[in-house]
Amino acid sequence: MTKFDEATQAIRVDETTYDVCLDPGYSIGGPLNGGYLMAVLLRAVVDASPHEHPVTTSAQFLRSPAPGPAQVRLEQLKAGRTATMTRATLVQDGTSFIETLVTTATLRDVAPDWMGRPPVAMPPIERCRTLPDPGPESGMTFSAQMEVAYDPPTVGWLDGDPSGSPEVRAYFRLAEPQDPDPYVLAMAVDCLPPVVFSAGARGWAPTVDLTWHLRALPAPGWLTLFGSGRMIGDGWFDEDVEVWDSAGRLVAQSRQLARVGRG
């Protein structure tokens, strides 16, 4: 079992309850990363489902759970031959922290009937840029769990020169060798710095709602992430992310609504 598998494991208590332990290694200055939390929830949902893959997940982030013991509580809404729909709630000390609706199905590893191209051409990975390692006092343990190499123009904000356009592009893989799977994709769609950083905003940008779709099973190797936004206003912004695998296939898509950070 890899470190990520262990950090996201869900242990069955009964048909509707799973025990989990939220790992402090996925913290972003205190709050745990939302993609990591979705991966934890999805472990329980898939284990209880007759189908193998979480093809669509819609999550409402009510509040931020603390690292440590928690439970995932399930309510199966519909079980069908091709898809099962489940409500999954992350509960800690009797309080609900994340509400999700998840549809599971079983994807076949087949070529798509039609597929577009990635949004833009990425530079070779050796010409991309990494973020500075955060200091131990920052509480940014999440960055140690992954390797991310950014398309340089989309991280100009690091030097006080944001591009002015809400976008970010990067290569991604886990720090510990592990082929990507649907749970890794759940974290990948929410692992990038908020796209509003490139538009000049800074600070923690809490996600309110995030929906993502598993489009295909990813090939081994680096993933490529393309993040963009369409509107920033009244303290809110949206963020779309596409994830492409090493074989050039679109494997995940997400959209989230979040608050513009202060800082």
Protein backbone atom coordinates (compact mmCIF):
# COMPACT_ATOMS: atom_id res chain seq x y z
CA MET A 1 0.00 0.00 0.00
CA THR A 2 1.39 3.41 -0.96
CA LYS A 3 1.42 6.42 1.34
CA PHE A 4 -1.47 7.99 -0.60
CA ASP A 5 -3.50 4.77 -0.51
CA GLU A 6 -3.00 4.59 3.24
CA ALA A 7 -3.91 8.25 3.75
CA THR A 8 -7.19 7.80 1.85
CA GLN A 9 -8.26 4.36 3.04
CA ALA A 10 -11.79 3.82 4.35
CA ILE A 11 -12.53 0.92 6.71
CA ARG A 12 -16.02 -0.58 6.55
CA VAL A 13 -18.00 -0.52 9.80
CA ASP A 14 -21.34 -1.55 8.32
CA GLU A 15 -23.29 -1.12 5.07
CA THR A 16 -23.59 2.66 5.47
CA THR A 17 -20.62 3.65 7.65
CA TYR A 18 -16.87 3.78 7.06
CA ASP A 19 -14.14 4.87 9.45
CA VAL A 20 -11.41 7.13 8.03
CA CYS A 21 -8.43 8.99 9.46
CA LEU A 22 -7.72 12.35 7.84
CA ASP A 23 -3.99 12.74 7.29
CA PRO A 24 -2.31 16.00 8.41
CA GLY A 25 0.15 15.60 5.51
CA TYR A 26 -2.46 17.09 3.13
CA SER A 27 -2.81 20.45 4.86
CA ILE A 28 -2.73 23.83 3.10
CA GLY A 29 -1.71 26.11 5.93
CA GLY A 30 -4.27 24.48 8.21
CA PRO A 31 -7.28 23.33 6.12
CA LEU A 32 -6.98 19.97 4.38
CA ASN A 33 -6.96 19.94 0.58
CA GLY A 34 -10.44 19.42 -0.86
CA GLY A 35 -9.29 16.99 -3.54
CA TYR A 36 -7.66 14.79 -0.91
CA LEU A 37 -10.89 14.83 1.12
CA MET A 38 -12.89 13.83 -1.96
CA ALA A 39 -10.52 10.89 -2.52
CA VAL A 40 -11.23 9.71 1.05
CA LEU A 41 -14.99 9.89 0.49
CA LEU A 42 -14.73 8.11 -2.85
CA ARG A 43 -12.85 5.17 -1.34
CA ALA A 44 -15.90 4.46 0.81
CA VAL A 45 -18.43 5.05 -1.97
CA VAL A 46 -16.69 2.72 -4.43
CA ASP A 47 -16.15 0.00 -1.81
CA ALA A 48 -19.89 -0.04 -1.13
CA SER A 49 -20.89 0.14 -4.81
CA PRO A 50 -21.29 -2.71 -7.30
CA HIS A 51 -19.41 -0.50 -9.79
CA GLU A 52 -15.68 0.21 -9.88
CA HIS A 53 -15.30 3.87 -10.81
CA PRO A 54 -16.57 7.26 -9.51
CA VAL A 55 -17.60 8.82 -12.81
CA THR A 56 -19.10 12.01 -11.39
CA THR A 57 -18.78 13.65 -7.99
CA SER A 58 -20.46 16.82 -6.77
CA ALA A 59 -19.18 18.09 -3.41
CA GLN A 60 -20.41 20.86 -1.13
CA PHE A 61 -17.72 21.96 1.32
CA LEU A 62 -19.64 23.03 4.42
CA ARG A 63 -16.65 23.56 6.70
CA SER A 64 -13.05 22.38 7.09
CA PRO A 65 -12.50 19.14 9.02
CA ALA A 66 -9.48 18.68 11.28
CA PRO A 67 -6.91 15.93 10.76
CA GLY A 68 -7.76 12.79 12.68
CA PRO A 69 -10.60 10.26 12.96
CA ALA A 70 -13.83 10.84 11.01
CA GLN A 71 -16.57 8.82 9.35
CA VAL A 72 -18.10 8.58 5.90
CA ARG A 73 -21.83 7.91 5.99
CA LEU A 74 -23.52 6.59 2.88
CA GLU A 75 -27.06 6.64 1.56
CA GLN A 76 -27.62 4.73 -1.66
CA LEU A 77 -30.14 6.67 -3.73
CA LYS A 78 -30.36 4.39 -6.75
CA ALA A 79 -28.70 1.15 -7.82
CA GLY A 80 -28.82 0.32 -11.52
CA ARG A 81 -27.19 -2.06 -13.94
CA THR A 82 -24.89 0.59 -15.38
CA ALA A 83 -24.72 3.22 -12.61
CA THR A 84 -25.28 3.63 -8.88
CA MET A 85 -25.97 6.97 -7.17
CA THR A 86 -24.91 7.55 -3.58
CA ARG A 87 -25.01 10.40 -1.10
CA ALA A 88 -21.82 10.42 0.99
CA THR A 89 -21.24 12.69 4.00
CA LEU A 90 -17.98 13.28 5.83
CA VAL A 91 -18.80 13.51 9.53
CA GLN A 92 -16.50 14.41 12.41
CA ASP A 93 -17.61 14.61 16.05
CA GLY A 94 -21.24 14.45 14.94
CA THR A 95 -20.95 17.40 12.53
CA SER A 96 -21.22 17.18 8.74
CA PHE A 97 -18.26 18.73 6.93
CA ILE A 98 -18.66 17.68 3.28
CA GLU A 99 -21.79 16.54 1.44
CA THR A 100 -21.35 14.72 -1.86
CA LEU A 101 -23.45 13.08 -4.54
CA VAL A 102 -21.48 10.40 -6.37
CA THR A 103 -22.36 8.31 -9.40
CA THR A 104 -20.33 5.15 -9.85
CA ALA A 105 -20.09 3.05 -13.01
CA THR A 106 -17.59 0.70 -14.61
CA LEU A 107 -15.50 2.29 -17.34
CA ARG A 108 -13.91 0.24 -20.08
CA ASP A 109 -10.35 0.99 -21.12
CA VAL A 110 -11.21 1.70 -24.75
CA ALA A 111 -10.33 4.44 -27.22
CA PRO A 112 -12.79 7.37 -27.28
CA ASP A 113 -15.12 7.77 -30.25
CA TRP A 114 -14.05 11.42 -30.51
CA MET A 115 -11.83 13.70 -28.48
CA GLY A 116 -10.60 17.26 -28.86
CA ARG A 117 -7.08 18.50 -28.26
CA PRO A 118 -5.51 19.93 -25.11
CA PRO A 119 -6.23 23.65 -24.63
CA VAL A 120 -2.65 24.77 -25.37
CA ALA A 121 0.74 23.21 -26.08
CA MET A 122 2.84 22.75 -22.96
CA PRO A 123 6.60 23.36 -22.89
CA PRO A 124 8.87 20.39 -22.12
CA ILE A 125 8.83 19.55 -18.44
CA GLU A 126 12.50 20.53 -18.03
CA ARG A 127 11.58 24.09 -19.04
CA CYS A 128 8.82 24.34 -16.46
CA ARG A 129 9.04 25.90 -13.01
CA THR A 130 8.51 24.53 -9.52
CA LEU A 131 7.22 26.50 -6.54
CA PRO A 132 9.59 27.29 -3.65
CA ASP A 133 9.47 24.81 -0.79
CA PRO A 134 7.29 26.25 1.99
CA GLY A 135 8.87 26.71 5.41
CA PRO A 136 7.89 24.34 8.25
CA GLU A 137 6.04 27.18 9.98
CA SER A 138 3.69 27.59 7.00
CA GLY A 139 1.69 24.41 7.64
CA MET A 140 1.84 23.68 3.90
CA THR A 141 2.38 19.94 4.14
CA PHE A 142 0.32 19.24 1.01
CA SER A 143 3.06 20.28 -1.40
CA ALA A 144 5.36 17.50 -0.16
CA GLN A 145 2.89 14.87 -1.41
CA MET A 146 3.26 15.74 -5.09
CA GLU A 147 5.59 16.93 -7.81
CA VAL A 148 4.25 19.81 -9.89
CA ALA A 149 6.05 21.64 -12.70
CA TYR A 150 4.37 24.84 -13.94
CA ASP A 151 4.23 26.52 -17.31
CA PRO A 152 6.28 29.63 -16.38
CA PRO A 153 3.93 32.37 -17.69
CA THR A 154 1.13 31.08 -15.43
CA VAL A 155 3.11 31.53 -12.19
CA GLY A 156 4.43 35.04 -12.81
CA TRP A 157 2.68 36.04 -9.57
CA LEU A 158 5.59 34.39 -7.73
CA ASP A 159 7.74 37.34 -8.86
CA GLY A 160 5.05 39.96 -8.38
CA ASP A 161 4.17 39.90 -12.06
CA PRO A 162 0.80 38.13 -12.46
CA SER A 163 -0.35 37.65 -16.05
CA GLY A 164 -3.72 39.29 -15.37
CA SER A 165 -5.57 36.27 -16.76
CA PRO A 166 -6.97 33.57 -14.41
CA GLU A 167 -5.09 30.52 -15.62
CA VAL A 168 -2.56 27.94 -14.49
CA ARG A 169 -0.97 25.00 -16.32
CA ALA A 170 1.26 22.29 -14.93
CA TYR A 171 2.55 18.73 -15.01
CA PHE A 172 1.55 16.65 -11.97
CA ARG A 173 2.39 13.35 -10.29
CA LEU A 174 2.54 12.04 -6.74
CA ALA A 175 5.87 12.40 -4.94
CA GLU A 176 5.84 8.70 -4.09
CA PRO A 177 5.95 6.54 -7.24
CA GLN A 178 2.38 5.51 -8.03
CA ASP A 179 0.45 5.24 -11.27
CA PRO A 180 -2.50 7.64 -11.39
CA ASP A 181 -5.95 6.22 -10.68
CA PRO A 182 -9.39 7.79 -10.06
CA TYR A 183 -8.46 8.72 -6.47
CA VAL A 184 -5.28 10.46 -7.60
CA LEU A 185 -7.39 12.31 -10.19
CA ALA A 186 -9.77 13.47 -7.43
CA MET A 187 -6.82 15.20 -5.80
CA ALA A 188 -5.29 16.39 -9.08
CA VAL A 189 -8.35 18.44 -10.06
CA ASP A 190 -7.94 20.48 -6.86
CA CYS A 191 -4.16 20.60 -6.42
CA LEU A 192 -3.26 23.77 -8.35
CA PRO A 193 -2.86 27.26 -6.87
CA PRO A 194 -6.15 29.14 -7.37
CA VAL A 195 -6.38 30.63 -10.85
CA VAL A 196 -7.13 34.04 -9.29
CA PHE A 197 -3.46 34.24 -8.25
CA SER A 198 -2.63 34.93 -11.90
CA ALA A 199 -5.25 37.69 -11.89
CA GLY A 200 -3.59 39.42 -8.95
CA ALA A 201 -5.45 38.01 -5.92
CA ARG A 202 -3.65 36.17 -3.11
CA GLY A 203 -4.57 34.29 0.04
CA TRP A 204 -6.54 31.17 0.90
CA ALA A 205 -9.41 30.72 -1.56
CA PRO A 206 -11.87 28.27 0.03
CA THR A 207 -13.87 26.03 -2.30
CA VAL A 208 -17.63 26.12 -1.78
CA ASP A 209 -18.73 23.68 -4.50
CA LEU A 210 -16.71 21.35 -6.74
CA THR A 211 -17.96 18.93 -9.37
CA TRP A 212 -15.64 16.66 -11.30
CA HIS A 213 -16.02 13.91 -13.89
CA LEU A 214 -13.84 10.86 -14.49
CA ARG A 215 -13.73 10.58 -18.27
CA ALA A 216 -11.26 7.70 -18.77
CA LEU A 217 -8.81 5.56 -16.82
CA PRO A 218 -5.42 7.31 -16.88
CA ALA A 219 -2.26 5.82 -18.38
CA PRO A 220 0.87 5.63 -16.19
CA GLY A 221 3.10 8.69 -16.07
CA TRP A 222 2.78 12.43 -15.64
CA LEU A 223 -0.61 14.13 -15.81
CA THR A 224 -1.03 17.53 -17.45
CA LEU A 225 -3.40 20.01 -15.79
CA PHE A 226 -5.03 23.01 -17.47
CA GLY A 227 -6.82 25.42 -15.13
CA SER A 228 -8.79 28.51 -16.17
CA GLY A 229 -11.49 30.86 -14.93
CA ARG A 230 -14.30 32.73 -16.66
CA MET A 231 -15.37 35.38 -14.14
CA ILE A 232 -14.14 36.99 -10.93
CA GLY A 233 -16.55 39.25 -9.10
CA ASP A 234 -18.19 40.18 -5.82
CA GLY A 235 -15.73 38.01 -3.89
CA TRP A 236 -16.34 34.87 -5.98
CA PHE A 237 -14.51 33.11 -8.80
CA ASP A 238 -14.94 29.96 -10.87
CA GLU A 239 -12.24 27.52 -11.90
CA ASP A 240 -12.30 24.83 -14.58
CA VAL A 241 -9.60 22.13 -14.74
CA GLU A 242 -8.91 19.57 -17.45
CA VAL A 243 -6.59 16.64 -16.75
CA TRP A 244 -4.81 14.88 -19.61
CA ASP A 245 -2.75 11.72 -19.20
CA SER A 246 0.63 10.72 -20.65
CA ALA A 247 -1.10 9.05 -23.61
CA GLY A 248 -2.74 12.35 -24.61
CA ARG A 249 -6.23 11.44 -23.40
CA LEU A 250 -8.63 13.65 -21.46
CA VAL A 251 -9.17 11.73 -18.21
CA ALA A 252 -10.87 14.22 -15.87
CA GLN A 253 -12.74 17.53 -15.89
CA SER A 254 -13.81 19.73 -12.99
CA ARG A 255 -15.52 23.00 -12.18
CA GLN A 256 -15.55 24.73 -8.84
CA LEU A 257 -16.92 27.89 -7.29
CA ALA A 258 -14.75 29.47 -4.61
CA ARG A 259 -14.26 32.63 -2.59
CA VAL A 260 -11.55 35.08 -3.57
CA GLY A 261 -8.84 34.84 -0.92
CA ARG A 262 -7.59 37.61 1.30
CA GLY A 263 -3.90 37.95 1.98
